[in-house]
């Protein structure tokens, strides 16, 4: 088992590029992480990493061993999955990511129900509106809105989510009611932007009589937290593009009202993202199916 632990540790160090990051991910100390790598190198008789005080990079032998090591882990996980499928005795931790709005309103409320069914499983839910990397962040699956950039990952579509451009009555009283995306641009409306490090989308894609079109809107307010944009819109600071399920109550009470209704936003895909290897894990599969059934019935 210690050799298997060493291999697992090596794979996480390789993928995260850091002894300390791998240690945090595996919940072991940096000293144990380093010791496991040293034991593995001693057994193999090669250096797997080039180490300096500031960097760590795999050697050619390390790159070669990584390919075999991942196959070993996948084989073991596949064998364990077959046993779990037979016994239905799910155990272990699930690492799940979701956008803030999706996570807070759709995922988090359902987690207790799943854990009640599987008392030996724990869920580590990470919420962020930035894009996540399943491999380097050690995630089992990620819920997301939009289109993923990595074609090597597997996708399970949940639904097309309706979106709306909205603002507060106070904002509209001060700035007027924009009728379309063109008006948002021409009249210089304050548009509230969801942006994060690495974001490449700086335009709003809206539906026009001539088909989808991108509008280069502008504004002084931007955040990587979608709920912050909602708060700004409620406070009268500008126009936000939001999934309807996130602001349904505000639309019902009139605290936010639809704007630019001649050119509504296109619906956005909500889906699950996972690797082929993670899909073989029964607890990952069951969690995904559990959430998809409930989310689809909610939105």
Protein backbone atom coordinates (compact mmCIF):
# COMPACT_ATOMS: atom_id res chain seq x y z
CA UNK A 1 0.00 0.00 0.00
CA UNK A 2 2.88 2.39 0.74
CA UNK A 3 4.16 1.98 -2.82
CA UNK A 4 0.68 2.77 -4.14
CA UNK A 5 0.55 5.85 -1.90
CA UNK A 6 3.91 6.92 -3.30
CA UNK A 7 2.61 6.59 -6.84
CA UNK A 8 -0.54 8.56 -6.02
CA UNK A 9 1.57 11.28 -4.42
CA UNK A 10 3.89 11.40 -7.44
CA UNK A 11 0.92 11.86 -9.78
CA UNK A 12 -0.45 14.78 -7.76
CA UNK A 13 2.98 16.44 -7.52
CA UNK A 14 3.38 16.05 -11.28
CA UNK A 15 -0.08 17.47 -12.03
CA UNK A 16 0.06 20.35 -9.54
CA UNK A 17 3.73 21.16 -10.10
CA UNK A 18 4.39 21.63 -6.40
CA UNK A 19 5.20 19.45 -3.39
CA UNK A 20 3.26 21.74 -1.05
CA UNK A 21 0.20 21.91 -3.32
CA UNK A 22 0.15 18.14 -3.67
CA UNK A 23 0.48 17.76 0.08
CA UNK A 24 -2.49 20.05 0.68
CA UNK A 25 -4.52 18.19 -1.90
CA UNK A 26 -3.74 14.81 -0.32
CA UNK A 27 -3.93 16.20 3.22
CA UNK A 28 -0.40 15.17 4.13
CA UNK A 29 2.52 17.29 5.29
CA UNK A 30 5.19 18.62 2.90
CA UNK A 31 7.71 16.38 4.67
CA UNK A 32 5.61 13.27 3.98
CA UNK A 33 5.11 14.36 0.36
CA UNK A 34 8.85 14.80 -0.16
CA UNK A 35 9.61 11.51 1.61
CA UNK A 36 7.22 9.59 -0.63
CA UNK A 37 8.80 11.02 -3.77
CA UNK A 38 12.27 10.19 -2.46
CA UNK A 39 11.21 6.61 -1.67
CA UNK A 40 9.81 6.23 -5.17
CA UNK A 41 12.98 7.60 -6.76
CA UNK A 42 15.10 5.27 -4.66
CA UNK A 43 13.02 2.26 -5.69
CA UNK A 44 13.15 3.20 -9.37
CA UNK A 45 16.78 4.31 -9.30
CA UNK A 46 16.09 7.55 -11.19
CA UNK A 47 15.32 11.19 -10.51
CA UNK A 48 11.67 11.94 -11.23
CA UNK A 49 11.88 15.69 -10.66
CA UNK A 50 14.48 18.40 -11.01
CA UNK A 51 14.28 20.48 -7.84
CA UNK A 52 15.52 23.97 -7.08
CA UNK A 53 14.60 26.32 -4.23
CA UNK A 54 12.07 28.02 -6.51
CA UNK A 55 10.86 25.44 -9.00
CA UNK A 56 10.13 21.80 -9.62
CA UNK A 57 9.93 20.15 -13.04
CA UNK A 58 9.66 16.52 -14.17
CA UNK A 59 12.65 14.80 -15.73
CA UNK A 60 12.29 12.74 -18.89
CA UNK A 61 12.10 9.67 -16.66
CA UNK A 62 9.41 11.43 -14.61
CA UNK A 63 7.36 12.21 -17.71
CA UNK A 64 7.59 8.61 -18.83
CA UNK A 65 6.69 7.25 -15.39
CA UNK A 66 3.70 9.59 -15.14
CA UNK A 67 2.04 7.96 -18.14
CA UNK A 68 2.36 4.53 -16.58
CA UNK A 69 1.44 5.78 -13.11
CA UNK A 70 -1.87 7.23 -14.29
CA UNK A 71 -2.70 3.92 -15.94
CA UNK A 72 -2.01 2.15 -12.64
CA UNK A 73 -4.30 4.50 -10.71
CA UNK A 74 -7.04 4.21 -13.31
CA UNK A 75 -6.84 0.41 -13.19
CA UNK A 76 -7.08 0.38 -9.40
CA UNK A 77 -9.96 2.87 -9.38
CA UNK A 78 -11.77 0.85 -12.02
CA UNK A 79 -11.37 -2.32 -9.96
CA UNK A 80 -12.58 -0.53 -6.84
CA UNK A 81 -15.55 0.82 -8.78
CA UNK A 82 -16.59 -2.69 -9.78
CA UNK A 83 -16.50 -3.80 -6.15
CA UNK A 84 -18.46 -0.75 -5.03
CA UNK A 85 -21.03 -1.36 -7.73
CA UNK A 86 -21.55 -4.83 -6.27
CA UNK A 87 -21.63 -3.83 -2.62
CA UNK A 88 -23.19 -0.35 -3.02
CA UNK A 89 -21.01 0.70 -0.11
CA UNK A 90 -19.91 4.14 -1.27
CA UNK A 91 -16.99 5.69 0.60
CA UNK A 92 -14.59 8.58 0.25
CA UNK A 93 -14.57 12.26 -0.64
CA UNK A 94 -16.09 13.97 -3.65
CA UNK A 95 -14.47 17.19 -4.86
CA UNK A 96 -17.07 19.26 -6.68
CA UNK A 97 -16.89 22.74 -8.22
CA UNK A 98 -19.73 25.01 -9.32
CA UNK A 99 -20.34 28.68 -10.18
CA UNK A 100 -21.43 30.70 -7.16
CA UNK A 101 -25.05 31.14 -8.17
CA UNK A 102 -25.46 27.53 -9.29
CA UNK A 103 -23.67 26.22 -6.22
CA UNK A 104 -25.51 28.33 -3.66
CA UNK A 105 -29.01 27.96 -5.10
CA UNK A 106 -29.02 24.56 -6.81
CA UNK A 107 -26.18 22.34 -5.55
CA UNK A 108 -25.62 23.17 -1.87
CA UNK A 109 -29.28 22.74 -0.81
CA UNK A 110 -29.28 19.20 -2.25
CA UNK A 111 -25.98 18.00 -0.74
CA UNK A 112 -27.52 16.98 2.63
CA UNK A 113 -30.01 14.73 0.85
CA UNK A 114 -27.24 12.96 -1.02
CA UNK A 115 -25.09 12.53 2.10
CA UNK A 116 -28.08 11.16 4.01
CA UNK A 117 -28.29 8.38 1.42
CA UNK A 118 -24.53 7.71 1.56
CA UNK A 119 -23.27 8.30 5.11
CA UNK A 120 -19.67 7.27 4.37
CA UNK A 121 -19.24 9.84 1.59
CA UNK A 122 -18.14 13.44 2.15
CA UNK A 123 -18.58 16.33 -0.29
CA UNK A 124 -15.99 19.12 -0.71
CA UNK A 125 -17.88 21.85 -2.57
CA UNK A 126 -15.82 24.66 -4.09
CA UNK A 127 -17.74 27.66 -5.42
CA UNK A 128 -16.28 30.17 -7.84
CA UNK A 129 -17.38 31.95 -11.00
CA UNK A 130 -13.91 31.58 -12.53
CA UNK A 131 -13.07 28.70 -14.86
CA UNK A 132 -11.66 25.67 -13.08
CA UNK A 133 -9.19 22.98 -14.17
CA UNK A 134 -10.41 19.54 -13.11
CA UNK A 135 -7.02 17.86 -13.37
CA UNK A 136 -4.77 20.36 -11.61
CA UNK A 137 -7.35 21.15 -8.93
CA UNK A 138 -8.10 17.52 -8.13
CA UNK A 139 -11.81 17.78 -8.91
CA UNK A 140 -14.13 14.86 -9.54
CA UNK A 141 -16.66 16.92 -11.46
CA UNK A 142 -17.61 20.53 -12.10
CA UNK A 143 -20.96 22.11 -12.85
CA UNK A 144 -20.70 25.06 -15.22
CA UNK A 145 -22.58 27.52 -17.40
CA UNK A 146 -21.43 28.00 -20.99
CA UNK A 147 -19.13 26.05 -23.27
CA UNK A 148 -15.98 24.33 -21.96
CA UNK A 149 -12.70 24.99 -23.73
CA UNK A 150 -11.10 21.60 -23.05
CA UNK A 151 -12.40 19.10 -25.61
CA UNK A 152 -10.67 16.20 -23.81
CA UNK A 153 -13.20 16.33 -20.97
CA UNK A 154 -16.61 14.67 -20.92
CA UNK A 155 -19.81 16.72 -20.75
CA UNK A 156 -23.25 15.82 -19.46
CA UNK A 157 -25.77 18.49 -20.44
CA UNK A 158 -28.42 19.36 -17.85
CA UNK A 159 -30.49 22.12 -19.47
CA UNK A 160 -30.49 25.33 -21.46
CA UNK A 161 -30.85 28.12 -18.90
CA UNK A 162 -32.89 31.21 -19.75
CA UNK A 163 -31.15 34.53 -19.10
CA UNK A 164 -32.40 38.10 -18.86
CA UNK A 165 -30.99 41.62 -19.00
CA UNK A 166 -32.25 43.44 -15.95
CA UNK A 167 -31.94 46.64 -13.92
CA UNK A 168 -33.65 48.25 -10.96
CA UNK A 169 -36.57 50.67 -11.37
CA UNK A 170 -34.36 53.39 -9.84
CA UNK A 171 -31.72 52.92 -12.54
CA UNK A 172 -34.35 53.01 -15.29
CA UNK A 173 -35.89 56.19 -13.82
CA UNK A 174 -32.48 57.88 -13.98
CA UNK A 175 -31.12 56.50 -17.27
CA UNK A 176 -34.22 55.50 -19.24
CA UNK A 177 -35.39 52.10 -20.47
CA UNK A 178 -33.03 50.67 -23.12
CA UNK A 179 -35.01 48.79 -25.76
CA UNK A 180 -32.21 46.76 -27.33
CA UNK A 181 -28.55 45.88 -27.27
CA UNK A 182 -27.87 48.72 -29.70
CA UNK A 183 -29.45 51.15 -27.23
CA UNK A 184 -27.27 49.80 -24.42
CA UNK A 185 -24.20 50.71 -26.47
CA UNK A 186 -25.42 53.95 -28.11
CA UNK A 187 -26.83 55.40 -24.87
CA UNK A 188 -23.76 54.46 -22.85
CA UNK A 189 -25.57 52.38 -20.27
CA UNK A 190 -23.62 51.16 -17.26
CA UNK A 191 -23.33 47.41 -17.87
CA UNK A 192 -22.22 45.18 -15.01
CA UNK A 193 -19.62 42.66 -16.16
CA UNK A 194 -18.73 39.21 -14.87
CA UNK A 195 -15.00 38.87 -15.44
CA UNK A 196 -12.18 36.89 -13.91
CA UNK A 197 -8.45 36.27 -14.58
CA UNK A 198 -8.11 34.65 -17.97
CA UNK A 199 -11.58 35.66 -19.18
CA UNK A 200 -11.73 36.24 -22.94
CA UNK A 201 -15.38 37.27 -23.36
CA UNK A 202 -15.97 41.02 -23.15
CA UNK A 203 -19.14 41.28 -25.21
CA UNK A 204 -22.77 40.35 -24.66
CA UNK A 205 -24.25 37.90 -27.16
CA UNK A 206 -27.89 38.82 -27.74
CA UNK A 207 -30.66 37.57 -30.01
CA UNK A 208 -31.68 40.06 -32.74
CA UNK A 209 -34.17 39.79 -35.63
CA UNK A 210 -31.14 39.00 -37.82
CA UNK A 211 -29.84 36.28 -35.51
CA UNK A 212 -27.33 36.26 -32.64
CA UNK A 213 -25.07 39.30 -32.46
CA UNK A 214 -22.33 40.44 -30.10
CA UNK A 215 -22.59 43.88 -28.50
CA UNK A 216 -19.54 45.59 -27.03
CA UNK A 217 -21.14 47.02 -23.92
CA UNK A 218 -19.17 49.00 -21.36
CA UNK A 219 -19.27 49.94 -17.72
CA UNK A 220 -17.18 50.78 -14.67
CA UNK A 221 -18.38 47.86 -12.56
CA UNK A 222 -16.99 44.35 -12.90
CA UNK A 223 -16.54 41.40 -10.57
CA UNK A 224 -15.75 37.69 -10.63
CA UNK A 225 -18.73 37.04 -8.33
CA UNK A 226 -22.14 36.90 -10.02
CA UNK A 227 -23.97 37.67 -6.78
CA UNK A 228 -22.03 40.94 -6.50
CA UNK A 229 -23.44 41.94 -9.90
CA UNK A 230 -26.94 41.18 -8.63
CA UNK A 231 -26.36 43.36 -5.57
CA UNK A 232 -25.08 46.21 -7.76
CA UNK A 233 -28.11 45.91 -10.06
CA UNK A 234 -30.47 45.95 -7.06
CA UNK A 235 -28.72 49.08 -5.79
CA UNK A 236 -29.35 50.85 -9.10
CA UNK A 237 -25.79 50.85 -10.43
CA UNK A 238 -26.43 49.33 -13.85
CA UNK A 239 -27.70 46.59 -16.14
CA UNK A 240 -26.83 42.95 -15.47
CA UNK A 241 -27.13 39.80 -17.55
CA UNK A 242 -28.34 37.05 -15.19
CA UNK A 243 -29.72 33.51 -15.35
CA UNK A 244 -33.41 33.80 -14.57
CA UNK A 245 -33.28 31.21 -11.78
CA UNK A 246 -30.76 33.36 -9.87
CA UNK A 247 -32.98 36.44 -9.75
CA UNK A 248 -36.49 34.97 -10.07
CA UNK A 249 -37.59 36.37 -6.71
CA UNK A 250 -36.31 39.87 -7.56
CA UNK A 251 -38.19 39.76 -10.88
CA UNK A 252 -41.34 38.60 -9.09
CA UNK A 253 -41.22 41.46 -6.56
CA UNK A 254 -40.23 44.08 -9.14
CA UNK A 255 -36.90 44.86 -7.46
CA UNK A 256 -35.39 44.08 -10.86
CA UNK A 257 -37.16 44.43 -14.21
CA UNK A 258 -36.26 43.13 -17.69
CA UNK A 259 -34.62 45.60 -20.07
CA UNK A 260 -33.62 45.56 -23.75
CA UNK A 261 -36.35 42.98 -24.36
CA UNK A 262 -36.14 43.38 -28.15
CA UNK A 263 -32.75 41.64 -27.99
CA UNK A 264 -32.78 39.10 -25.14
CA UNK A 265 -29.68 37.08 -24.23
CA UNK A 266 -29.29 33.65 -25.71
CA UNK A 267 -29.92 30.79 -23.28
CA UNK A 268 -26.77 29.37 -21.74
CA UNK A 269 -25.94 25.70 -21.34
CA UNK A 270 -25.74 24.22 -17.85
CA UNK A 271 -23.79 20.97 -17.73
CA UNK A 272 -21.47 18.71 -15.76
CA UNK A 273 -17.83 18.38 -16.70
CA UNK A 274 -15.74 15.35 -15.77
CA UNK A 275 -12.89 13.18 -16.98
CA UNK A 276 -13.43 9.67 -18.28
CA UNK A 277 -11.57 8.30 -15.26
CA UNK A 278 -13.80 10.17 -12.78
CA UNK A 279 -16.92 8.96 -14.57
CA UNK A 280 -15.99 5.37 -13.62
CA UNK A 281 -16.23 6.19 -9.91
CA UNK A 282 -19.70 5.16 -8.69
CA UNK A 283 -19.98 7.95 -6.13
CA UNK A 284 -19.14 10.52 -8.81
CA UNK A 285 -21.71 9.05 -11.16
CA UNK A 286 -24.40 8.77 -8.50
CA UNK A 287 -23.78 12.32 -7.24
CA UNK A 288 -24.02 13.65 -10.78
CA UNK A 289 -27.27 11.79 -11.49
CA UNK A 290 -28.70 12.86 -8.12
CA UNK A 291 -27.99 16.54 -8.82
CA UNK A 292 -29.07 16.48 -12.47
CA UNK A 293 -32.50 15.09 -11.57
CA UNK A 294 -33.06 17.80 -8.98
CA UNK A 295 -31.61 20.69 -10.95
CA UNK A 296 -33.65 19.81 -14.05
CA UNK A 297 -36.79 19.87 -11.94
CA UNK A 298 -35.89 23.29 -10.47
CA UNK A 299 -34.90 25.48 -13.40
